[in-house]
Amino acid sequence: MGYAKTYAIEHTGGRVVCFDVRPEGAGQASFCVVGTSDRRTIDLGSVQQVSDFETGEVLAHIDQAFGGPLSLSDSDVKTIRGRDKSLWAKLYRAPVIENHYRNKLFALFEHRCFKCSRPGKLETYQGMEHVPFWRGLDRDHHVPISLGGHLVPGNIVVLCTSCNSRKHERDPRAFYTTEQLERLRPLLAREAEVLAFKFDWERWQEDRRAYLVSLGIEEQLAGQVMRDENHRYYVGRGPLDASWQAAGTSEVREE
């Protein structure tokens, strides 16, 4: 089925426009690159998104292009999940920024589980009164990893810990009602705007407190993470920790 259509495949190595997509087994697929005679093979675990190049429509399931479901072991799924978390953290760099955007995602879902409506519990910790921390809410891969989904805008649903465990790697069409899927569609469409972020090293080096405040982080919290070395999100006045610059850090509390 892949020959007649042209697809744009976003993957960890970049973007490719191709046709004649064929499953190759062992979690791989092959395709022809548009404008060349090259035929390439790709690891399906590296695929982040597939869209119809002509219409721009993002495919809800990668197997629509690849002709069959992904062949991933439990170990593969675990590896991809860990990589997704690392890529999420790398995008936001500093934990205080990552937490801020995580909470923006929770706010999009009204700080409650989309499936059962159970609200998250807002907690604070001594010396961290200005850090919104929502206990009991997880980020779920809407299209699961086993079907090619990744932890990217447009594929994240906020669920309580219980519902997230029950959904696990299930196809969303088997977990949600038709009405729920309809209500979910506009929320997923808004995620790209809500989570849009690109770390600005120049502004960070110029005045990191002002930069944090400009992102919407409360002034009190921005001040705390600058001065308090015991704060879990401390950034201080020196350069970011090398591990943040290389791969980001995050205290992941779900999946």
C-alpha atoms as a PDB file:
ATOM      1  CA  MET A   1       0.000   0.000   0.000  1.00  0.00           C
ATOM      2  CA  GLY A   2       2.987   2.265   0.518  1.00  0.00           C
ATOM      3  CA  TYR A   3       3.867   2.686  -3.149  1.00  0.00           C
ATOM      4  CA  ALA A   4       0.917   4.810  -4.280  1.00  0.00           C
ATOM      5  CA  LYS A   5       1.303   7.436  -1.556  1.00  0.00           C
ATOM      6  CA  THR A   6       4.131   9.729  -0.606  1.00  0.00           C
ATOM      7  CA  TYR A   7       4.923  10.014   3.098  1.00  0.00           C
ATOM      8  CA  ALA A   8       6.930  12.385   5.246  1.00  0.00           C
ATOM      9  CA  ILE A   9       8.646  10.443   8.014  1.00  0.00           C
ATOM     10  CA  GLU A  10       9.988  12.347  11.039  1.00  0.00           C
ATOM     11  CA  HIS A  11      12.565  10.326  12.929  1.00  0.00           C
ATOM     12  CA  THR A  12      15.380  10.882  15.375  1.00  0.00           C
ATOM     13  CA  GLY A  13      17.827  11.405  12.520  1.00  0.00           C
ATOM     14  CA  GLY A  14      15.745  14.021  10.705  1.00  0.00           C
ATOM     15  CA  ARG A  15      13.006  14.006   8.057  1.00  0.00           C
ATOM     16  CA  VAL A  16      12.629  12.058   4.844  1.00  0.00           C
ATOM     17  CA  VAL A  17      10.031  12.165   2.055  1.00  0.00           C
ATOM     18  CA  CYS A  18       9.524   8.719   0.584  1.00  0.00           C
ATOM     19  CA  PHE A  19       7.273   6.175  -1.117  1.00  0.00           C
ATOM     20  CA  ASP A  20       6.966   2.396  -1.526  1.00  0.00           C
ATOM     21  CA  VAL A  21       7.117   1.804   2.207  1.00  0.00           C
ATOM     22  CA  ARG A  22       7.371  -1.874   3.139  1.00  0.00           C
ATOM     23  CA  PRO A  23       7.597  -3.687   6.491  1.00  0.00           C
ATOM     24  CA  GLU A  24      10.796  -5.677   6.786  1.00  0.00           C
ATOM     25  CA  GLY A  25      10.208  -7.494  10.061  1.00  0.00           C
ATOM     26  CA  ALA A  26      12.293  -7.241  13.229  1.00  0.00           C
ATOM     27  CA  GLY A  27      10.988  -3.727  13.831  1.00  0.00           C
ATOM     28  CA  GLN A  28      12.226  -2.260  10.542  1.00  0.00           C
ATOM     29  CA  ALA A  29      10.793  -0.908   7.306  1.00  0.00           C
ATOM     30  CA  SER A  30      12.270   0.026   3.946  1.00  0.00           C
ATOM     31  CA  PHE A  31      11.325   2.833   1.565  1.00  0.00           C
ATOM     32  CA  CYS A  32      12.415   4.694  -1.556  1.00  0.00           C
ATOM     33  CA  VAL A  33      13.544   8.296  -1.158  1.00  0.00           C
ATOM     34  CA  VAL A  34      11.681  10.746  -3.386  1.00  0.00           C
ATOM     35  CA  GLY A  35      13.910  12.199  -6.101  1.00  0.00           C
ATOM     36  CA  THR A  36      16.483   9.402  -5.920  1.00  0.00           C
ATOM     37  CA  SER A  37      16.768   5.709  -6.650  1.00  0.00           C
ATOM     38  CA  ASP A  38      17.906   5.045  -3.078  1.00  0.00           C
ATOM     39  CA  ARG A  39      16.186   2.419  -0.988  1.00  0.00           C
ATOM     40  CA  ARG A  40      16.769   2.714   2.739  1.00  0.00           C
ATOM     41  CA  THR A  41      15.937   0.775   5.866  1.00  0.00           C
ATOM     42  CA  ILE A  42      14.791   2.430   9.082  1.00  0.00           C
ATOM     43  CA  ASP A  43      14.408   1.256  12.673  1.00  0.00           C
ATOM     44  CA  LEU A  44      10.729   1.780  13.496  1.00  0.00           C
ATOM     45  CA  GLY A  45      11.656   2.601  17.070  1.00  0.00           C
ATOM     46  CA  SER A  46      13.281   5.816  15.818  1.00  0.00           C
ATOM     47  CA  VAL A  47      10.133   6.992  14.003  1.00  0.00           C
ATOM     48  CA  GLN A  48       8.403   9.903  15.718  1.00  0.00           C
ATOM     49  CA  GLN A  49       5.665  10.776  13.231  1.00  0.00           C
ATOM     50  CA  VAL A  50       4.415   9.812   9.787  1.00  0.00           C
ATOM     51  CA  SER A  51       2.235  12.052   7.651  1.00  0.00           C
ATOM     52  CA  ASP A  52       0.691  11.979   4.210  1.00  0.00           C
ATOM     53  CA  PHE A  53       3.030  14.270   2.261  1.00  0.00           C
ATOM     54  CA  GLU A  54       0.282  15.401  -0.129  1.00  0.00           C
ATOM     55  CA  THR A  55      -2.355  16.341   2.468  1.00  0.00           C
ATOM     56  CA  GLY A  56      -0.193  16.898   5.551  1.00  0.00           C
ATOM     57  CA  GLU A  57      -2.466  14.596   7.562  1.00  0.00           C
ATOM     58  CA  VAL A  58      -0.642  12.959  10.461  1.00  0.00           C
ATOM     59  CA  LEU A  59      -1.356   9.249  10.561  1.00  0.00           C
ATOM     60  CA  ALA A  60      -2.872   8.114  13.830  1.00  0.00           C
ATOM     61  CA  HIS A  61      -1.085   4.780  13.505  1.00  0.00           C
ATOM     62  CA  ILE A  62       2.276   4.299  11.882  1.00  0.00           C
ATOM     63  CA  ASP A  63       1.210   0.901  10.552  1.00  0.00           C
ATOM     64  CA  GLN A  64      -1.087   2.790   8.139  1.00  0.00           C
ATOM     65  CA  ALA A  65       2.081   3.578   6.205  1.00  0.00           C
ATOM     66  CA  PHE A  66       4.224   0.585   7.067  1.00  0.00           C
ATOM     67  CA  GLY A  67       1.639  -2.036   6.240  1.00  0.00           C
ATOM     68  CA  GLY A  68       1.520  -3.754   9.615  1.00  0.00           C
ATOM     69  CA  PRO A  69       1.959  -3.289  13.349  1.00  0.00           C
ATOM     70  CA  LEU A  70       5.411  -2.791  14.811  1.00  0.00           C
ATOM     71  CA  SER A  71       7.190  -5.891  16.006  1.00  0.00           C
ATOM     72  CA  LEU A  72       8.555  -4.733  19.354  1.00  0.00           C
ATOM     73  CA  SER A  73       9.443  -6.794  22.396  1.00  0.00           C
ATOM     74  CA  ASP A  74       8.737  -5.649  25.954  1.00  0.00           C
ATOM     75  CA  SER A  75      12.414  -4.772  26.175  1.00  0.00           C
ATOM     76  CA  ASP A  76      12.160  -2.647  23.011  1.00  0.00           C
ATOM     77  CA  VAL A  77       9.157  -0.790  24.434  1.00  0.00           C
ATOM     78  CA  LYS A  78      10.995  -0.135  27.701  1.00  0.00           C
ATOM     79  CA  THR A  79      14.040   1.176  25.843  1.00  0.00           C
ATOM     80  CA  ILE A  80      11.972   3.501  23.667  1.00  0.00           C
ATOM     81  CA  ARG A  81      10.020   4.760  26.690  1.00  0.00           C
ATOM     82  CA  GLY A  82      13.275   5.641  28.449  1.00  0.00           C
ATOM     83  CA  ARG A  83      14.563   7.405  25.354  1.00  0.00           C
ATOM     84  CA  ASP A  84      11.319   9.371  25.042  1.00  0.00           C
ATOM     85  CA  LYS A  85      11.695  10.612  28.620  1.00  0.00           C
ATOM     86  CA  SER A  86      15.295  11.617  27.952  1.00  0.00           C
ATOM     87  CA  LEU A  87      14.353  13.513  24.777  1.00  0.00           C
ATOM     88  CA  TRP A  88      11.564  15.338  26.639  1.00  0.00           C
ATOM     89  CA  ALA A  89      14.009  16.413  29.356  1.00  0.00           C
ATOM     90  CA  LYS A  90      16.637  17.432  26.820  1.00  0.00           C
ATOM     91  CA  LEU A  91      14.186  19.808  25.135  1.00  0.00           C
ATOM     92  CA  TYR A  92      13.511  21.802  28.323  1.00  0.00           C
ATOM     93  CA  ARG A  93      17.079  21.528  29.701  1.00  0.00           C
ATOM     94  CA  ALA A  94      16.565  22.737  33.291  1.00  0.00           C
ATOM     95  CA  PRO A  95      14.225  20.789  35.619  1.00  0.00           C
ATOM     96  CA  VAL A  96      12.400  23.973  36.672  1.00  0.00           C
ATOM     97  CA  ILE A  97      11.504  24.621  33.024  1.00  0.00           C
ATOM     98  CA  GLU A  98      10.561  20.984  32.397  1.00  0.00           C
ATOM     99  CA  ASN A  99       8.248  21.036  35.421  1.00  0.00           C
ATOM    100  CA  HIS A 100       6.660  24.285  34.208  1.00  0.00           C
ATOM    101  CA  TYR A 101       5.763  22.853  30.814  1.00  0.00           C
ATOM    102  CA  ARG A 102       4.616  19.579  32.313  1.00  0.00           C
ATOM    103  CA  ASN A 103       2.188  21.597  34.425  1.00  0.00           C
ATOM    104  CA  LYS A 104       1.010  23.494  31.330  1.00  0.00           C
ATOM    105  CA  LEU A 105       0.136  20.114  29.840  1.00  0.00           C
ATOM    106  CA  PHE A 106      -1.719  19.150  33.029  1.00  0.00           C
ATOM    107  CA  ALA A 107      -3.594  22.469  32.895  1.00  0.00           C
ATOM    108  CA  LEU A 108      -4.729  21.710  29.332  1.00  0.00           C
ATOM    109  CA  PHE A 109      -6.422  18.633  30.796  1.00  0.00           C
ATOM    110  CA  GLU A 110      -7.773  20.668  33.761  1.00  0.00           C
ATOM    111  CA  HIS A 111      -5.411  18.864  36.162  1.00  0.00           C
ATOM    112  CA  ARG A 112      -7.471  15.688  36.039  1.00  0.00           C
ATOM    113  CA  CYS A 113      -7.494  12.271  34.418  1.00  0.00           C
ATOM    114  CA  PHE A 114      -9.048  12.409  30.966  1.00  0.00           C
ATOM    115  CA  LYS A 115     -10.484   8.899  31.286  1.00  0.00           C
ATOM    116  CA  CYS A 116     -12.074   8.865  34.756  1.00  0.00           C
ATOM    117  CA  SER A 117     -11.908  12.606  35.680  1.00  0.00           C
ATOM    118  CA  ARG A 118     -10.045  11.901  38.923  1.00  0.00           C
ATOM    119  CA  PRO A 119      -8.281  15.172  39.874  1.00  0.00           C
ATOM    120  CA  GLY A 120      -4.587  15.368  40.580  1.00  0.00           C
ATOM    121  CA  LYS A 121      -3.509  16.457  44.055  1.00  0.00           C
ATOM    122  CA  LEU A 122      -1.574  19.711  44.282  1.00  0.00           C
ATOM    123  CA  GLU A 123       1.244  19.285  46.774  1.00  0.00           C
ATOM    124  CA  THR A 124       3.993  21.520  48.081  1.00  0.00           C
ATOM    125  CA  TYR A 125       7.177  20.741  49.960  1.00  0.00           C
ATOM    126  CA  GLN A 126       9.078  22.611  52.621  1.00  0.00           C
ATOM    127  CA  GLY A 127      11.136  25.322  50.979  1.00  0.00           C
ATOM    128  CA  MET A 128       9.325  24.743  47.671  1.00  0.00           C
ATOM    129  CA  GLU A 129       6.051  26.575  48.247  1.00  0.00           C
ATOM    130  CA  HIS A 130       6.059  28.054  44.756  1.00  0.00           C
ATOM    131  CA  VAL A 131       6.540  24.763  42.901  1.00  0.00           C
ATOM    132  CA  PRO A 132       3.240  23.357  41.582  1.00  0.00           C
ATOM    133  CA  PHE A 133       3.543  19.584  41.906  1.00  0.00           C
ATOM    134  CA  TRP A 134       0.551  17.505  40.777  1.00  0.00           C
ATOM    135  CA  ARG A 135       0.572  14.112  42.452  1.00  0.00           C
ATOM    136  CA  GLY A 136      -1.230  11.208  40.776  1.00  0.00           C
ATOM    137  CA  LEU A 137      -1.182  12.465  37.161  1.00  0.00           C
ATOM    138  CA  ASP A 138       0.808  10.721  34.434  1.00  0.00           C
ATOM    139  CA  ARG A 139       1.588  11.380  30.791  1.00  0.00           C
ATOM    140  CA  ASP A 140       0.383   8.536  28.595  1.00  0.00           C
ATOM    141  CA  HIS A 141       1.468   7.722  25.034  1.00  0.00           C
ATOM    142  CA  HIS A 142      -1.933   8.052  23.291  1.00  0.00           C
ATOM    143  CA  VAL A 143      -0.826   5.911  20.358  1.00  0.00           C
ATOM    144  CA  PRO A 144       1.282   3.423  22.351  1.00  0.00           C
ATOM    145  CA  ILE A 145       4.925   2.728  21.695  1.00  0.00           C
ATOM    146  CA  SER A 146       4.037  -0.719  20.343  1.00  0.00           C
ATOM    147  CA  LEU A 147       2.044   1.027  17.582  1.00  0.00           C
ATOM    148  CA  GLY A 148       4.749   3.616  16.873  1.00  0.00           C
ATOM    149  CA  GLY A 149       3.713   6.376  19.298  1.00  0.00           C
ATOM    150  CA  HIS A 150       6.177   8.703  21.029  1.00  0.00           C
ATOM    151  CA  LEU A 151       6.076  11.218  23.879  1.00  0.00           C
ATOM    152  CA  VAL A 152       5.580  14.198  21.576  1.00  0.00           C
ATOM    153  CA  PRO A 153       2.946  16.955  21.288  1.00  0.00           C
ATOM    154  CA  GLY A 154      -0.209  15.537  19.751  1.00  0.00           C
ATOM    155  CA  ASN A 155       0.304  12.108  21.300  1.00  0.00           C
ATOM    156  CA  ILE A 156       0.155  12.754  25.063  1.00  0.00           C
ATOM    157  CA  VAL A 157      -2.895  12.203  27.268  1.00  0.00           C
ATOM    158  CA  VAL A 158      -3.012  13.045  30.967  1.00  0.00           C
ATOM    159  CA  LEU A 159      -4.269  10.054  32.925  1.00  0.00           C
ATOM    160  CA  CYS A 160      -4.306   9.131  36.591  1.00  0.00           C
ATOM    161  CA  THR A 161      -1.838   6.447  37.643  1.00  0.00           C
ATOM    162  CA  SER A 162      -4.562   3.795  37.720  1.00  0.00           C
ATOM    163  CA  CYS A 163      -5.954   4.520  34.242  1.00  0.00           C
ATOM    164  CA  ASN A 164      -2.459   4.825  32.811  1.00  0.00           C
ATOM    165  CA  SER A 165      -1.635   1.354  34.126  1.00  0.00           C
ATOM    166  CA  ARG A 166      -4.856  -0.085  32.705  1.00  0.00           C
ATOM    167  CA  LYS A 167      -4.299   1.424  29.265  1.00  0.00           C
ATOM    168  CA  HIS A 168      -0.614   0.422  29.078  1.00  0.00           C
ATOM    169  CA  GLU A 169       0.068  -0.524  25.414  1.00  0.00           C
ATOM    170  CA  ARG A 170      -3.584  -0.789  24.365  1.00  0.00           C
ATOM    171  CA  ASP A 171      -4.792   0.818  21.164  1.00  0.00           C
ATOM    172  CA  PRO A 172      -6.712   3.975  22.189  1.00  0.00           C
ATOM    173  CA  ARG A 173      -9.680   2.786  20.129  1.00  0.00           C
ATOM    174  CA  ALA A 174      -9.967  -0.175  22.495  1.00  0.00           C
ATOM    175  CA  PHE A 175      -9.606   1.921  25.655  1.00  0.00           C
ATOM    176  CA  TYR A 176     -11.731   5.016  24.990  1.00  0.00           C
ATOM    177  CA  THR A 177     -15.299   5.360  23.825  1.00  0.00           C
ATOM    178  CA  THR A 178     -16.016   7.007  20.475  1.00  0.00           C
ATOM    179  CA  GLU A 179     -17.306  10.081  22.322  1.00  0.00           C
ATOM    180  CA  GLN A 180     -14.130  10.288  24.413  1.00  0.00           C
ATOM    181  CA  LEU A 181     -11.951  10.078  21.314  1.00  0.00           C
ATOM    182  CA  GLU A 182     -13.917  12.954  19.786  1.00  0.00           C
ATOM    183  CA  ARG A 183     -13.417  15.087  22.910  1.00  0.00           C
ATOM    184  CA  LEU A 184      -9.747  14.192  22.972  1.00  0.00           C
ATOM    185  CA  ARG A 185      -8.992  15.247  19.394  1.00  0.00           C
ATOM    186  CA  PRO A 186      -8.968  19.054  19.961  1.00  0.00           C
ATOM    187  CA  LEU A 187      -6.884  18.671  23.126  1.00  0.00           C
ATOM    188  CA  LEU A 188      -4.233  16.743  21.245  1.00  0.00           C
ATOM    189  CA  ALA A 189      -4.305  19.354  18.487  1.00  0.00           C
ATOM    190  CA  ARG A 190      -3.516  22.127  21.004  1.00  0.00           C
ATOM    191  CA  GLU A 191      -0.492  20.417  22.516  1.00  0.00           C
ATOM    192  CA  ALA A 192       1.969  21.645  19.896  1.00  0.00           C
ATOM    193  CA  GLU A 193       1.137  25.244  20.829  1.00  0.00           C
ATOM    194  CA  VAL A 194       1.015  24.667  24.593  1.00  0.00           C
ATOM    195  CA  LEU A 195       4.328  22.787  24.702  1.00  0.00           C
ATOM    196  CA  ALA A 196       6.199  24.814  22.076  1.00  0.00           C
ATOM    197  CA  PHE A 197       9.625  25.690  23.438  1.00  0.00           C
ATOM    198  CA  LYS A 198      13.194  26.198  22.272  1.00  0.00           C
ATOM    199  CA  PHE A 199      15.866  26.854  24.869  1.00  0.00           C
ATOM    200  CA  ASP A 200      17.510  30.261  24.334  1.00  0.00           C
ATOM    201  CA  TRP A 201      21.106  29.984  25.528  1.00  0.00           C
ATOM    202  CA  GLU A 202      21.818  33.658  24.854  1.00  0.00           C
ATOM    203  CA  ARG A 203      18.958  34.862  27.061  1.00  0.00           C
ATOM    204  CA  TRP A 204      19.861  32.272  29.694  1.00  0.00           C
ATOM    205  CA  GLN A 205      23.436  33.503  29.904  1.00  0.00           C
ATOM    206  CA  GLU A 206      22.342  37.138  29.872  1.00  0.00           C
ATOM    207  CA  ASP A 207      19.849  36.938  32.793  1.00  0.00           C
ATOM    208  CA  ARG A 208      18.576  33.509  33.724  1.00  0.00           C
ATOM    209  CA  ARG A 209      16.105  34.720  36.340  1.00  0.00           C
ATOM    210  CA  ALA A 210      14.495  37.116  33.866  1.00  0.00           C
ATOM    211  CA  TYR A 211      14.434  34.332  31.293  1.00  0.00           C
ATOM    212  CA  LEU A 212      12.616  31.975  33.672  1.00  0.00           C
ATOM    213  CA  VAL A 213      10.049  34.657  34.506  1.00  0.00           C
ATOM    214  CA  SER A 214       9.521  35.389  30.800  1.00  0.00           C
ATOM    215  CA  LEU A 215       8.492  31.757  30.328  1.00  0.00           C
ATOM    216  CA  GLY A 216       5.711  32.189  32.898  1.00  0.00           C
ATOM    217  CA  ILE A 217       7.524  30.782  35.924  1.00  0.00           C
ATOM    218  CA  GLU A 218       6.596  32.654  39.128  1.00  0.00           C
ATOM    219  CA  GLU A 219       9.113  35.276  40.264  1.00  0.00           C
ATOM    220  CA  GLN A 220       9.299  33.711  43.732  1.00  0.00           C
ATOM    221  CA  LEU A 221      10.205  30.327  42.277  1.00  0.00           C
ATOM    222  CA  ALA A 222      12.700  31.849  39.826  1.00  0.00           C
ATOM    223  CA  GLY A 223      14.371  33.557  42.784  1.00  0.00           C
ATOM    224  CA  GLN A 224      14.410  30.383  44.874  1.00  0.00           C
ATOM    225  CA  VAL A 225      16.077  28.234  42.240  1.00  0.00           C
ATOM    226  CA  MET A 226      18.718  30.915  41.775  1.00  0.00           C
ATOM    227  CA  ARG A 227      19.674  31.238  45.478  1.00  0.00           C
ATOM    228  CA  ASP A 228      18.763  28.055  47.345  1.00  0.00           C
ATOM    229  CA  GLU A 229      21.379  25.352  46.785  1.00  0.00           C
ATOM    230  CA  ASN A 230      19.116  22.836  48.568  1.00  0.00           C
ATOM    231  CA  HIS A 231      16.227  23.419  46.172  1.00  0.00           C
ATOM    232  CA  ARG A 232      15.518  20.366  43.988  1.00  0.00           C
ATOM    233  CA  TYR A 233      15.448  22.687  40.919  1.00  0.00           C
ATOM    234  CA  TYR A 234      18.488  24.780  41.879  1.00  0.00           C
ATOM    235  CA  VAL A 235      20.236  26.339  38.868  1.00  0.00           C
ATOM    236  CA  GLY A 236      22.540  28.785  40.671  1.00  0.00           C
ATOM    237  CA  ARG A 237      24.541  31.454  38.926  1.00  0.00           C
ATOM    238  CA  GLY A 238      27.113  29.310  37.148  1.00  0.00           C
ATOM    239  CA  PRO A 239      26.631  27.375  33.907  1.00  0.00           C
ATOM    240  CA  LEU A 240      24.047  24.635  33.707  1.00  0.00           C
ATOM    241  CA  ASP A 241      25.302  21.246  34.802  1.00  0.00           C
ATOM    242  CA  ALA A 242      27.064  19.525  31.898  1.00  0.00           C
ATOM    243  CA  SER A 243      24.588  16.649  31.979  1.00  0.00           C
ATOM    244  CA  TRP A 244      21.713  19.100  31.422  1.00  0.00           C
ATOM    245  CA  GLN A 245      23.479  20.622  28.458  1.00  0.00           C
ATOM    246  CA  ALA A 246      24.190  17.213  26.959  1.00  0.00           C
ATOM    247  CA  ALA A 247      20.945  15.399  27.594  1.00  0.00           C
ATOM    248  CA  GLY A 248      18.780  17.349  30.026  1.00  0.00           C
ATOM    249  CA  THR A 249      17.495  16.092  33.368  1.00  0.00           C
ATOM    250  CA  SER A 250      14.020  15.397  34.642  1.00  0.00           C
ATOM    251  CA  GLU A 251      12.377  13.777  37.582  1.00  0.00           C
ATOM    252  CA  VAL A 252       9.890  11.622  35.717  1.00  0.00           C
ATOM    253  CA  ARG A 253       6.953  10.580  37.834  1.00  0.00           C
ATOM    254  CA  GLU A 254       4.985   8.335  35.520  1.00  0.00           C
ATOM    255  CA  GLU A 255       4.700   5.687  32.818  1.00  0.00           C
END
